[in-house]
């Protein structure tokens, strides 16, 4: 069974790009446009990893992360922050990796493979 990645990003072009990148490399995907929707999709889909944008409408990635880190079921779920926000690498401390937009797809795939196989 393929590992599943939840993509949380408000930019539909970024979401489509990441879906294609991950699916072409054997992963299943699901997505959400912000942290509020992301939490609902998280509970429904039970992903193995999350890619998280930080600056989004409704609920920013940092707030989503705070909720996630307090939930015993999800607090150890690996997260890769992908953001164009300056200094975003300082926003969340316990993440697998931080990539700035635009990012290198090979670098991202390497991080994903090292994290969930």
PDB file of N, CA and C in Angstrom:
ATOM      1  N   UNK A   1       0.835  -1.186   0.000  1.00  0.00           N
ATOM      2  CA  UNK A   1       0.000   0.000   0.000  1.00  0.00           C
ATOM      3  C   UNK A   1       0.882   1.253   0.000  1.00  0.00           C
ATOM      4  N   UNK A   2       0.538   2.197  -0.852  1.00  0.00           N
ATOM      5  CA  UNK A   2       1.343   3.415  -0.989  1.00  0.00           C
ATOM      6  C   UNK A   2       1.193   4.311   0.235  1.00  0.00           C
ATOM      7  N   UNK A   3       2.269   4.978   0.580  1.00  0.00           N
ATOM      8  CA  UNK A   3       2.232   5.969   1.663  1.00  0.00           C
ATOM      9  C   UNK A   3       1.447   7.183   1.178  1.00  0.00           C
ATOM     10  N   UNK A   4       0.774   7.847   2.121  1.00  0.00           N
ATOM     11  CA  UNK A   4      -0.074   8.983   1.770  1.00  0.00           C
ATOM     12  C   UNK A   4       0.487  10.278   2.333  1.00  0.00           C
ATOM     13  N   UNK A   5       0.462  11.322   1.491  1.00  0.00           N
ATOM     14  CA  UNK A   5       0.954  12.646   1.866  1.00  0.00           C
ATOM     15  C   UNK A   5      -0.195  13.639   1.807  1.00  0.00           C
ATOM     16  N   UNK A   6      -0.383  14.364   2.897  1.00  0.00           N
ATOM     17  CA  UNK A   6      -1.367  15.444   2.958  1.00  0.00           C
ATOM     18  C   UNK A   6      -0.660  16.747   2.604  1.00  0.00           C
ATOM     19  N   UNK A   7      -1.167  17.424   1.573  1.00  0.00           N
ATOM     20  CA  UNK A   7      -0.613  18.694   1.118  1.00  0.00           C
ATOM     21  C   UNK A   7      -1.545  19.801   1.621  1.00  0.00           C
ATOM     22  N   UNK A   8      -1.036  20.684   2.472  1.00  0.00           N
ATOM     23  CA  UNK A   8      -1.839  21.801   2.971  1.00  0.00           C
ATOM     24  C   UNK A   8      -1.233  23.086   2.418  1.00  0.00           C
ATOM     25  N   UNK A   9      -1.936  23.690   1.460  1.00  0.00           N
ATOM     26  CA  UNK A   9      -1.456  24.899   0.799  1.00  0.00           C
ATOM     27  C   UNK A   9      -2.644  25.576   0.127  1.00  0.00           C
ATOM     28  N   UNK A  10      -2.697  26.903   0.189  1.00  0.00           N
ATOM     29  CA  UNK A  10      -3.816  27.627  -0.413  1.00  0.00           C
ATOM     30  C   UNK A  10      -3.622  27.926  -1.896  1.00  0.00           C
ATOM     31  N   UNK A  11      -2.438  27.687  -2.429  1.00  0.00           N
ATOM     32  CA  UNK A  11      -2.172  27.944  -3.841  1.00  0.00           C
ATOM     33  C   UNK A  11      -2.502  26.687  -4.656  1.00  0.00           C
ATOM     34  N   UNK A  12      -3.553  26.737  -5.475  1.00  0.00           N
ATOM     35  CA  UNK A  12      -3.947  25.536  -6.221  1.00  0.00           C
ATOM     36  C   UNK A  12      -2.870  25.035  -7.182  1.00  0.00           C
ATOM     37  N   UNK A  13      -2.030  25.934  -7.687  1.00  0.00           N
ATOM     38  CA  UNK A  13      -0.952  25.511  -8.586  1.00  0.00           C
ATOM     39  C   UNK A  13       0.114  24.719  -7.822  1.00  0.00           C
ATOM     40  N   UNK A  14       0.432  25.161  -6.637  1.00  0.00           N
ATOM     41  CA  UNK A  14       1.389  24.432  -5.801  1.00  0.00           C
ATOM     42  C   UNK A  14       0.830  23.065  -5.429  1.00  0.00           C
ATOM     43  N   UNK A  15      -0.440  23.026  -5.048  1.00  0.00           N
ATOM     44  CA  UNK A  15      -1.078  21.757  -4.685  1.00  0.00           C
ATOM     45  C   UNK A  15      -1.025  20.789  -5.867  1.00  0.00           C
ATOM     46  N   UNK A  16      -1.405  21.252  -7.051  1.00  0.00           N
ATOM     47  CA  UNK A  16      -1.415  20.386  -8.238  1.00  0.00           C
ATOM     48  C   UNK A  16      -0.001  19.896  -8.562  1.00  0.00           C
ATOM     49  N   UNK A  17       0.981  20.791  -8.458  1.00  0.00           N
ATOM     50  CA  UNK A  17       2.372  20.416  -8.718  1.00  0.00           C
ATOM     51  C   UNK A  17       2.831  19.332  -7.749  1.00  0.00           C
ATOM     52  N   UNK A  18       2.553  19.536  -6.457  1.00  0.00           N
ATOM     53  CA  UNK A  18       2.964  18.552  -5.447  1.00  0.00           C
ATOM     54  C   UNK A  18       2.221  17.232  -5.623  1.00  0.00           C
ATOM     55  N   UNK A  19       0.929  17.297  -5.921  1.00  0.00           N
ATOM     56  CA  UNK A  19       0.169  16.055  -6.170  1.00  0.00           C
ATOM     57  C   UNK A  19       0.801  15.266  -7.308  1.00  0.00           C
ATOM     58  N   UNK A  20       1.097  15.946  -8.399  1.00  0.00           N
ATOM     59  CA  UNK A  20       1.702  15.279  -9.563  1.00  0.00           C
ATOM     60  C   UNK A  20       3.078  14.715  -9.212  1.00  0.00           C
ATOM     61  N   UNK A  21       3.902  15.510  -8.545  1.00  0.00           N
ATOM     62  CA  UNK A  21       5.243  15.070  -8.150  1.00  0.00           C
ATOM     63  C   UNK A  21       5.179  13.813  -7.282  1.00  0.00           C
ATOM     64  N   UNK A  22       4.331  13.846  -6.259  1.00  0.00           N
ATOM     65  CA  UNK A  22       4.244  12.705  -5.340  1.00  0.00           C
ATOM     66  C   UNK A  22       3.607  11.488  -6.004  1.00  0.00           C
ATOM     67  N   UNK A  23       2.528  11.691  -6.734  1.00  0.00           N
ATOM     68  CA  UNK A  23       1.849  10.561  -7.386  1.00  0.00           C
ATOM     69  C   UNK A  23       2.735   9.910  -8.441  1.00  0.00           C
ATOM     70  N   UNK A  24       3.486  10.714  -9.183  1.00  0.00           N
ATOM     71  CA  UNK A  24       4.414  10.165 -10.179  1.00  0.00           C
ATOM     72  C   UNK A  24       5.533   9.355  -9.543  1.00  0.00           C
ATOM     73  N   UNK A  25       5.725   9.534  -8.243  1.00  0.00           N
ATOM     74  CA  UNK A  25       6.777   8.810  -7.527  1.00  0.00           C
ATOM     75  C   UNK A  25       6.218   7.782  -6.542  1.00  0.00           C
ATOM     76  N   UNK A  26       4.957   7.377  -6.769  1.00  0.00           N
ATOM     77  CA  UNK A  26       4.391   6.249  -6.042  1.00  0.00           C
ATOM     78  C   UNK A  26       3.657   6.558  -4.750  1.00  0.00           C
ATOM     79  N   UNK A  27       3.410   7.822  -4.450  1.00  0.00           N
ATOM     80  CA  UNK A  27       2.700   8.184  -3.223  1.00  0.00           C
ATOM     81  C   UNK A  27       1.249   8.530  -3.525  1.00  0.00           C
ATOM     82  N   UNK A  28       0.376   8.266  -2.570  1.00  0.00           N
ATOM     83  CA  UNK A  28      -0.998   8.749  -2.637  1.00  0.00           C
ATOM     84  C   UNK A  28      -1.010  10.141  -2.025  1.00  0.00           C
ATOM     85  N   UNK A  29      -1.968  10.961  -2.453  1.00  0.00           N
ATOM     86  CA  UNK A  29      -2.050  12.313  -1.910  1.00  0.00           C
ATOM     87  C   UNK A  29      -3.482  12.680  -1.538  1.00  0.00           C
ATOM     88  N   UNK A  30      -3.584  13.654  -0.664  1.00  0.00           N
ATOM     89  CA  UNK A  30      -4.836  14.325  -0.346  1.00  0.00           C
ATOM     90  C   UNK A  30      -4.441  15.764  -0.065  1.00  0.00           C
ATOM     91  N   UNK A  31      -5.390  16.688  -0.086  1.00  0.00           N
ATOM     92  CA  UNK A  31      -5.001  18.085   0.073  1.00  0.00           C
ATOM     93  C   UNK A  31      -6.055  18.894   0.800  1.00  0.00           C
ATOM     94  N   UNK A  32      -5.612  20.058   1.276  1.00  0.00           N
ATOM     95  CA  UNK A  32      -6.477  21.008   1.965  1.00  0.00           C
ATOM     96  C   UNK A  32      -5.946  22.412   1.684  1.00  0.00           C
ATOM     97  N   UNK A  33      -6.850  23.393   1.666  1.00  0.00           N
ATOM     98  CA  UNK A  33      -6.483  24.764   1.317  1.00  0.00           C
ATOM     99  C   UNK A  33      -6.051  25.608   2.515  1.00  0.00           C
ATOM    100  N   UNK A  34      -6.260  25.130   3.738  1.00  0.00           N
ATOM    101  CA  UNK A  34      -5.814  25.850   4.924  1.00  0.00           C
ATOM    102  C   UNK A  34      -5.838  24.907   6.121  1.00  0.00           C
ATOM    103  N   UNK A  35      -5.443  25.426   7.282  1.00  0.00           N
ATOM    104  CA  UNK A  35      -5.339  24.595   8.473  1.00  0.00           C
ATOM    105  C   UNK A  35      -6.655  24.035   8.970  1.00  0.00           C
ATOM    106  N   UNK A  36      -7.747  24.785   8.814  1.00  0.00           N
ATOM    107  CA  UNK A  36      -9.059  24.298   9.261  1.00  0.00           C
ATOM    108  C   UNK A  36      -9.456  23.067   8.451  1.00  0.00           C
ATOM    109  N   UNK A  37      -9.407  23.202   7.140  1.00  0.00           N
ATOM    110  CA  UNK A  37      -9.723  22.067   6.259  1.00  0.00           C
ATOM    111  C   UNK A  37      -8.690  20.959   6.447  1.00  0.00           C
ATOM    112  N   UNK A  38      -7.438  21.346   6.663  1.00  0.00           N
ATOM    113  CA  UNK A  38      -6.369  20.373   6.833  1.00  0.00           C
ATOM    114  C   UNK A  38      -6.614  19.418   7.983  1.00  0.00           C
ATOM    115  N   UNK A  39      -7.144  19.933   9.070  1.00  0.00           N
ATOM    116  CA  UNK A  39      -7.397  19.070  10.219  1.00  0.00           C
ATOM    117  C   UNK A  39      -8.505  18.067   9.925  1.00  0.00           C
ATOM    118  N   UNK A  40      -9.522  18.499   9.188  1.00  0.00           N
ATOM    119  CA  UNK A  40     -10.599  17.584   8.794  1.00  0.00           C
ATOM    120  C   UNK A  40     -10.080  16.495   7.861  1.00  0.00           C
ATOM    121  N   UNK A  41      -9.268  16.895   6.885  1.00  0.00           N
ATOM    122  CA  UNK A  41      -8.695  15.923   5.945  1.00  0.00           C
ATOM    123  C   UNK A  41      -7.740  14.986   6.680  1.00  0.00           C
ATOM    124  N   UNK A  42      -6.973  15.513   7.605  1.00  0.00           N
ATOM    125  CA  UNK A  42      -6.058  14.693   8.410  1.00  0.00           C
ATOM    126  C   UNK A  42      -6.805  13.554   9.095  1.00  0.00           C
ATOM    127  N   UNK A  43      -7.897  13.884   9.762  1.00  0.00           N
ATOM    128  CA  UNK A  43      -8.671  12.854  10.478  1.00  0.00           C
ATOM    129  C   UNK A  43      -9.306  11.849   9.519  1.00  0.00           C
ATOM    130  N   UNK A  44      -9.751  12.315   8.367  1.00  0.00           N
ATOM    131  CA  UNK A  44     -10.415  11.420   7.409  1.00  0.00           C
ATOM    132  C   UNK A  44      -9.432  10.525   6.656  1.00  0.00           C
ATOM    133  N   UNK A  45      -8.274  11.059   6.309  1.00  0.00           N
ATOM    134  CA  UNK A  45      -7.340  10.358   5.416  1.00  0.00           C
ATOM    135  C   UNK A  45      -6.188   9.642   6.118  1.00  0.00           C
ATOM    136  N   UNK A  46      -5.842  10.048   7.338  1.00  0.00           N
ATOM    137  CA  UNK A  46      -4.746   9.430   8.095  1.00  0.00           C
ATOM    138  C   UNK A  46      -3.444   9.348   7.276  1.00  0.00           C
ATOM    139  N   UNK A  47      -2.897  10.494   6.865  1.00  0.00           N
ATOM    140  CA  UNK A  47      -1.675  10.482   6.051  1.00  0.00           C
ATOM    141  C   UNK A  47      -0.442  10.062   6.850  1.00  0.00           C
ATOM    142  N   UNK A  48       0.609   9.730   6.112  1.00  0.00           N
ATOM    143  CA  UNK A  48       1.884   9.345   6.714  1.00  0.00           C
ATOM    144  C   UNK A  48       2.824  10.537   6.890  1.00  0.00           C
ATOM    145  N   UNK A  49       2.540  11.640   6.167  1.00  0.00           N
ATOM    146  CA  UNK A  49       3.393  12.823   6.190  1.00  0.00           C
ATOM    147  C   UNK A  49       2.552  14.015   5.740  1.00  0.00           C
ATOM    148  N   UNK A  50       2.927  15.206   6.189  1.00  0.00           N
ATOM    149  CA  UNK A  50       2.234  16.429   5.789  1.00  0.00           C
ATOM    150  C   UNK A  50       3.240  17.411   5.211  1.00  0.00           C
ATOM    151  N   UNK A  51       2.884  18.031   4.064  1.00  0.00           N
ATOM    152  CA  UNK A  51       3.608  19.219   3.622  1.00  0.00           C
ATOM    153  C   UNK A  51       2.724  20.393   4.000  1.00  0.00           C
ATOM    154  N   UNK A  52       3.324  21.412   4.587  1.00  0.00           N
ATOM    155  CA  UNK A  52       2.555  22.496   5.188  1.00  0.00           C
ATOM    156  C   UNK A  52       3.062  23.863   4.768  1.00  0.00           C
ATOM    157  N   UNK A  53       2.177  24.631   4.142  1.00  0.00           N
ATOM    158  CA  UNK A  53       2.448  26.041   3.882  1.00  0.00           C
ATOM    159  C   UNK A  53       2.158  26.781   5.180  1.00  0.00           C
ATOM    160  N   UNK A  54       2.727  27.956   5.358  1.00  0.00           N
ATOM    161  CA  UNK A  54       2.491  28.687   6.598  1.00  0.00           C
ATOM    162  C   UNK A  54       1.461  29.807   6.446  1.00  0.00           C
ATOM    163  N   UNK A  55       1.537  30.554   5.365  1.00  0.00           N
ATOM    164  CA  UNK A  55       0.651  31.703   5.190  1.00  0.00           C
ATOM    165  C   UNK A  55      -0.546  31.315   4.329  1.00  0.00           C
ATOM    166  N   UNK A  56      -1.701  31.155   4.998  1.00  0.00           N
ATOM    167  CA  UNK A  56      -2.931  30.735   4.315  1.00  0.00           C
ATOM    168  C   UNK A  56      -4.128  31.459   4.927  1.00  0.00           C
ATOM    169  N   UNK A  57      -5.241  31.520   4.191  1.00  0.00           N
ATOM    170  CA  UNK A  57      -6.448  32.122   4.765  1.00  0.00           C
ATOM    171  C   UNK A  57      -7.029  31.225   5.857  1.00  0.00           C
ATOM    172  N   UNK A  58      -7.943  31.744   6.612  1.00  0.00           N
ATOM    173  CA  UNK A  58      -8.642  31.022   7.679  1.00  0.00           C
ATOM    174  C   UNK A  58      -7.718  30.632   8.825  1.00  0.00           C
ATOM    175  N   UNK A  59      -6.814  29.705   8.574  1.00  0.00           N
ATOM    176  CA  UNK A  59      -5.907  29.267   9.641  1.00  0.00           C
ATOM    177  C   UNK A  59      -4.521  29.037   9.065  1.00  0.00           C
ATOM    178  N   UNK A  60      -3.564  29.774   9.585  1.00  0.00           N
ATOM    179  CA  UNK A  60      -2.181  29.644   9.132  1.00  0.00           C
ATOM    180  C   UNK A  60      -1.593  28.302   9.553  1.00  0.00           C
ATOM    181  N   UNK A  61      -0.524  27.929   8.886  1.00  0.00           N
ATOM    182  CA  UNK A  61       0.141  26.679   9.188  1.00  0.00           C
ATOM    183  C   UNK A  61       0.671  26.584  10.606  1.00  0.00           C
ATOM    184  N   UNK A  62       1.107  27.703  11.165  1.00  0.00           N
ATOM    185  CA  UNK A  62       1.626  27.675  12.531  1.00  0.00           C
ATOM    186  C   UNK A  62       0.539  27.301  13.532  1.00  0.00           C
ATOM    187  N   UNK A  63      -0.646  27.822  13.334  1.00  0.00           N
ATOM    188  CA  UNK A  63      -1.754  27.485  14.241  1.00  0.00           C
ATOM    189  C   UNK A  63      -2.177  26.025  14.063  1.00  0.00           C
ATOM    190  N   UNK A  64      -2.221  25.571  12.809  1.00  0.00           N
ATOM    191  CA  UNK A  64      -2.516  24.166  12.528  1.00  0.00           C
ATOM    192  C   UNK A  64      -1.507  23.284  13.259  1.00  0.00           C
ATOM    193  N   UNK A  65      -0.229  23.646  13.171  1.00  0.00           N
ATOM    194  CA  UNK A  65       0.814  22.856  13.815  1.00  0.00           C
ATOM    195  C   UNK A  65       0.637  22.819  15.327  1.00  0.00           C
ATOM    196  N   UNK A  66       0.285  23.943  15.934  1.00  0.00           N
ATOM    197  CA  UNK A  66       0.079  23.965  17.384  1.00  0.00           C
ATOM    198  C   UNK A  66      -1.033  23.000  17.794  1.00  0.00           C
ATOM    199  N   UNK A  67      -2.124  22.991  17.043  1.00  0.00           N
ATOM    200  CA  UNK A  67      -3.221  22.051  17.340  1.00  0.00           C
ATOM    201  C   UNK A  67      -2.741  20.611  17.171  1.00  0.00           C
ATOM    202  N   UNK A  68      -2.051  20.357  16.090  1.00  0.00           N
ATOM    203  CA  UNK A  68      -1.561  19.020  15.790  1.00  0.00           C
ATOM    204  C   UNK A  68      -0.618  18.521  16.881  1.00  0.00           C
ATOM    205  N   UNK A  69       0.274  19.380  17.334  1.00  0.00           N
ATOM    206  CA  UNK A  69       1.281  18.962  18.316  1.00  0.00           C
ATOM    207  C   UNK A  69       0.677  18.675  19.689  1.00  0.00           C
ATOM    208  N   UNK A  70      -0.535  19.135  19.945  1.00  0.00           N
ATOM    209  CA  UNK A  70      -1.204  18.858  21.218  1.00  0.00           C
ATOM    210  C   UNK A  70      -2.076  17.604  21.151  1.00  0.00           C
ATOM    211  N   UNK A  71      -2.250  17.053  19.973  1.00  0.00           N
ATOM    212  CA  UNK A  71      -3.091  15.874  19.778  1.00  0.00           C
ATOM    213  C   UNK A  71      -2.211  14.619  19.852  1.00  0.00           C
ATOM    214  N   UNK A  72      -2.406  13.770  20.872  1.00  0.00           N
ATOM    215  CA  UNK A  72      -1.545  12.589  21.035  1.00  0.00           C
ATOM    216  C   UNK A  72      -1.516  11.667  19.811  1.00  0.00           C
ATOM    217  N   UNK A  73      -2.603  11.637  19.059  1.00  0.00           N
ATOM    218  CA  UNK A  73      -2.672  10.764  17.888  1.00  0.00           C
ATOM    219  C   UNK A  73      -1.788  11.252  16.745  1.00  0.00           C
ATOM    220  N   UNK A  74      -1.578  12.565  16.653  1.00  0.00           N
ATOM    221  CA  UNK A  74      -0.880  13.134  15.498  1.00  0.00           C
ATOM    222  C   UNK A  74       0.406  13.886  15.824  1.00  0.00           C
ATOM    223  N   UNK A  75       0.750  14.025  17.082  1.00  0.00           N
ATOM    224  CA  UNK A  75       1.870  14.890  17.445  1.00  0.00           C
ATOM    225  C   UNK A  75       3.218  14.439  16.884  1.00  0.00           C
ATOM    226  N   UNK A  76       3.362  13.170  16.519  1.00  0.00           N
ATOM    227  CA  UNK A  76       4.625  12.685  15.959  1.00  0.00           C
ATOM    228  C   UNK A  76       4.594  12.517  14.443  1.00  0.00           C
ATOM    229  N   UNK A  77       3.542  12.997  13.810  1.00  0.00           N
ATOM    230  CA  UNK A  77       3.420  12.911  12.355  1.00  0.00           C
ATOM    231  C   UNK A  77       4.468  13.817  11.709  1.00  0.00           C
ATOM    232  N   UNK A  78       5.267  13.305  10.773  1.00  0.00           N
ATOM    233  CA  UNK A  78       6.308  14.133  10.162  1.00  0.00           C
ATOM    234  C   UNK A  78       5.717  15.257   9.301  1.00  0.00           C
ATOM    235  N   UNK A  79       6.324  16.442   9.419  1.00  0.00           N
ATOM    236  CA  UNK A  79       5.875  17.616   8.682  1.00  0.00           C
ATOM    237  C   UNK A  79       7.051  18.239   7.951  1.00  0.00           C
ATOM    238  N   UNK A  80       6.814  18.581   6.692  1.00  0.00           N
ATOM    239  CA  UNK A  80       7.768  19.340   5.896  1.00  0.00           C
ATOM    240  C   UNK A  80       7.113  20.682   5.597  1.00  0.00           C
ATOM    241  N   UNK A  81       7.714  21.761   6.058  1.00  0.00           N
ATOM    242  CA  UNK A  81       7.193  23.099   5.772  1.00  0.00           C
ATOM    243  C   UNK A  81       7.720  23.534   4.412  1.00  0.00           C
ATOM    244  N   UNK A  82       6.790  23.964   3.544  1.00  0.00           N
ATOM    245  CA  UNK A  82       7.139  24.519   2.239  1.00  0.00           C
ATOM    246  C   UNK A  82       6.470  25.889   2.178  1.00  0.00           C
ATOM    247  N   UNK A  83       7.282  26.929   2.282  1.00  0.00           N
ATOM    248  CA  UNK A  83       6.704  28.265   2.399  1.00  0.00           C
ATOM    249  C   UNK A  83       7.561  29.311   1.704  1.00  0.00           C
ATOM    250  N   UNK A  84       6.906  30.337   1.210  1.00  0.00           N
ATOM    251  CA  UNK A  84       7.602  31.463   0.622  1.00  0.00           C
ATOM    252  C   UNK A  84       7.756  32.611   1.599  1.00  0.00           C
ATOM    253  N   UNK A  85       7.279  32.424   2.806  1.00  0.00           N
ATOM    254  CA  UNK A  85       7.319  33.468   3.815  1.00  0.00           C
ATOM    255  C   UNK A  85       8.746  33.650   4.345  1.00  0.00           C
ATOM    256  N   UNK A  86       9.258  34.887   4.386  1.00  0.00           N
ATOM    257  CA  UNK A  86      10.604  35.105   4.920  1.00  0.00           C
ATOM    258  C   UNK A  86      10.695  34.651   6.379  1.00  0.00           C
ATOM    259  N   UNK A  87      11.804  34.098   6.745  1.00  0.00           N
ATOM    260  CA  UNK A  87      12.072  33.617   8.108  1.00  0.00           C
ATOM    261  C   UNK A  87      11.115  32.520   8.552  1.00  0.00           C
ATOM    262  N   UNK A  88      10.434  31.874   7.620  1.00  0.00           N
ATOM    263  CA  UNK A  88       9.482  30.837   7.996  1.00  0.00           C
ATOM    264  C   UNK A  88      10.161  29.631   8.631  1.00  0.00           C
ATOM    265  N   UNK A  89      11.454  29.466   8.398  1.00  0.00           N
ATOM    266  CA  UNK A  89      12.178  28.350   9.019  1.00  0.00           C
ATOM    267  C   UNK A  89      12.225  28.494  10.540  1.00  0.00           C
ATOM    268  N   UNK A  90      11.916  29.678  11.048  1.00  0.00           N
ATOM    269  CA  UNK A  90      11.918  29.895  12.492  1.00  0.00           C
ATOM    270  C   UNK A  90      10.550  29.669  13.127  1.00  0.00           C
ATOM    271  N   UNK A  91       9.506  29.515  12.314  1.00  0.00           N
ATOM    272  CA  UNK A  91       8.135  29.481  12.813  1.00  0.00           C
ATOM    273  C   UNK A  91       7.776  28.194  13.543  1.00  0.00           C
ATOM    274  N   UNK A  92       8.290  27.077  13.085  1.00  0.00           N
ATOM    275  CA  UNK A  92       7.965  25.782  13.681  1.00  0.00           C
ATOM    276  C   UNK A  92       9.270  25.034  13.905  1.00  0.00           C
ATOM    277  N   UNK A  93       9.495  24.610  15.116  1.00  0.00           N
ATOM    278  CA  UNK A  93      10.787  24.005  15.447  1.00  0.00           C
ATOM    279  C   UNK A  93      10.873  22.503  15.174  1.00  0.00           C
ATOM    280  N   UNK A  94       9.840  21.749  15.472  1.00  0.00           N
ATOM    281  CA  UNK A  94       9.913  20.286  15.359  1.00  0.00           C
ATOM    282  C   UNK A  94       9.365  19.813  14.020  1.00  0.00           C
ATOM    283  N   UNK A  95      10.123  20.050  12.969  1.00  0.00           N
ATOM    284  CA  UNK A  95       9.723  19.595  11.646  1.00  0.00           C
ATOM    285  C   UNK A  95      10.847  18.761  11.049  1.00  0.00           C
ATOM    286  N   UNK A  96      10.505  17.988  10.041  1.00  0.00           N
ATOM    287  CA  UNK A  96      11.501  17.171   9.355  1.00  0.00           C
ATOM    288  C   UNK A  96      12.426  18.057   8.529  1.00  0.00           C
ATOM    289  N   UNK A  97      11.817  19.040   7.835  1.00  0.00           N
ATOM    290  CA  UNK A  97      12.602  19.916   6.963  1.00  0.00           C
ATOM    291  C   UNK A  97      11.805  21.173   6.660  1.00  0.00           C
ATOM    292  N   UNK A  98      12.534  22.181   6.193  1.00  0.00           N
ATOM    293  CA  UNK A  98      11.924  23.420   5.727  1.00  0.00           C
ATOM    294  C   UNK A  98      12.469  23.713   4.336  1.00  0.00           C
ATOM    295  N   UNK A  99      11.572  23.932   3.389  1.00  0.00           N
ATOM    296  CA  UNK A  99      11.974  24.311   2.043  1.00  0.00           C
ATOM    297  C   UNK A  99      11.325  25.642   1.703  1.00  0.00           C
ATOM    298  N   UNK A 100      12.087  26.532   1.088  1.00  0.00           N
ATOM    299  CA  UNK A 100      11.554  27.811   0.648  1.00  0.00           C
ATOM    300  C   UNK A 100      11.040  27.683  -0.776  1.00  0.00           C
ATOM    301  N   UNK A 101       9.925  28.352  -1.056  1.00  0.00           N
ATOM    302  CA  UNK A 101       9.410  28.402  -2.430  1.00  0.00           C
ATOM    303  C   UNK A 101      10.217  29.435  -3.194  1.00  0.00           C
ATOM    304  N   UNK A 102      10.630  29.152  -4.412  1.00  0.00           N
ATOM    305  CA  UNK A 102      10.511  27.870  -5.102  1.00  0.00           C
ATOM    306  C   UNK A 102      11.519  26.869  -4.542  1.00  0.00           C
ATOM    307  N   UNK A 103      11.160  25.606  -4.617  1.00  0.00           N
ATOM    308  CA  UNK A 103      11.998  24.553  -4.032  1.00  0.00           C
ATOM    309  C   UNK A 103      12.453  23.589  -5.116  1.00  0.00           C
ATOM    310  N   UNK A 104      13.464  22.796  -4.772  1.00  0.00           N
ATOM    311  CA  UNK A 104      14.002  21.786  -5.682  1.00  0.00           C
ATOM    312  C   UNK A 104      13.198  20.498  -5.488  1.00  0.00           C
ATOM    313  N   UNK A 105      12.482  20.033  -6.516  1.00  0.00           N
ATOM    314  CA  UNK A 105      11.661  18.827  -6.354  1.00  0.00           C
ATOM    315  C   UNK A 105      12.473  17.581  -5.993  1.00  0.00           C
ATOM    316  N   UNK A 106      13.697  17.477  -6.487  1.00  0.00           N
ATOM    317  CA  UNK A 106      14.537  16.323  -6.144  1.00  0.00           C
ATOM    318  C   UNK A 106      14.903  16.343  -4.663  1.00  0.00           C
ATOM    319  N   UNK A 107      15.183  17.526  -4.133  1.00  0.00           N
ATOM    320  CA  UNK A 107      15.489  17.651  -2.714  1.00  0.00           C
ATOM    321  C   UNK A 107      14.271  17.254  -1.876  1.00  0.00           C
ATOM    322  N   UNK A 108      13.096  17.722  -2.273  1.00  0.00           N
ATOM    323  CA  UNK A 108      11.875  17.378  -1.558  1.00  0.00           C
ATOM    324  C   UNK A 108      11.629  15.873  -1.589  1.00  0.00           C
ATOM    325  N   UNK A 109      11.750  15.255  -2.742  1.00  0.00           N
ATOM    326  CA  UNK A 109      11.543  13.808  -2.840  1.00  0.00           C
ATOM    327  C   UNK A 109      12.552  13.036  -1.995  1.00  0.00           C
ATOM    328  N   UNK A 110      13.772  13.505  -1.950  1.00  0.00           N
ATOM    329  CA  UNK A 110      14.787  12.858  -1.106  1.00  0.00           C
ATOM    330  C   UNK A 110      14.405  12.923   0.365  1.00  0.00           C
ATOM    331  N   UNK A 111      13.901  14.058   0.798  1.00  0.00           N
ATOM    332  CA  UNK A 111      13.475  14.211   2.189  1.00  0.00           C
ATOM    333  C   UNK A 111      12.298  13.288   2.486  1.00  0.00           C
ATOM    334  N   UNK A 112      11.344  13.247   1.562  1.00  0.00           N
ATOM    335  CA  UNK A 112      10.164  12.384   1.753  1.00  0.00           C
ATOM    336  C   UNK A 112      10.590  10.926   1.823  1.00  0.00           C
ATOM    337  N   UNK A 113      11.443  10.492   0.911  1.00  0.00           N
ATOM    338  CA  UNK A 113      11.890   9.085   0.903  1.00  0.00           C
ATOM    339  C   UNK A 113      12.641   8.739   2.179  1.00  0.00           C
ATOM    340  N   UNK A 114      13.476   9.647   2.651  1.00  0.00           N
ATOM    341  CA  UNK A 114      14.220   9.391   3.895  1.00  0.00           C
ATOM    342  C   UNK A 114      13.314   9.362   5.105  1.00  0.00           C
ATOM    343  N   UNK A 115      12.177  10.026   5.025  1.00  0.00           N
ATOM    344  CA  UNK A 115      11.273  10.127   6.163  1.00  0.00           C
ATOM    345  C   UNK A 115      10.255   8.991   6.222  1.00  0.00           C
ATOM    346  N   UNK A 116       9.601   8.688   5.081  1.00  0.00           N
ATOM    347  CA  UNK A 116       8.541   7.660   5.096  1.00  0.00           C
ATOM    348  C   UNK A 116       8.775   6.509   4.126  1.00  0.00           C
ATOM    349  N   UNK A 117       9.877   6.534   3.416  1.00  0.00           N
ATOM    350  CA  UNK A 117      10.190   5.434   2.514  1.00  0.00           C
ATOM    351  C   UNK A 117       9.696   5.623   1.116  1.00  0.00           C
TER     352      UNK A 117
END
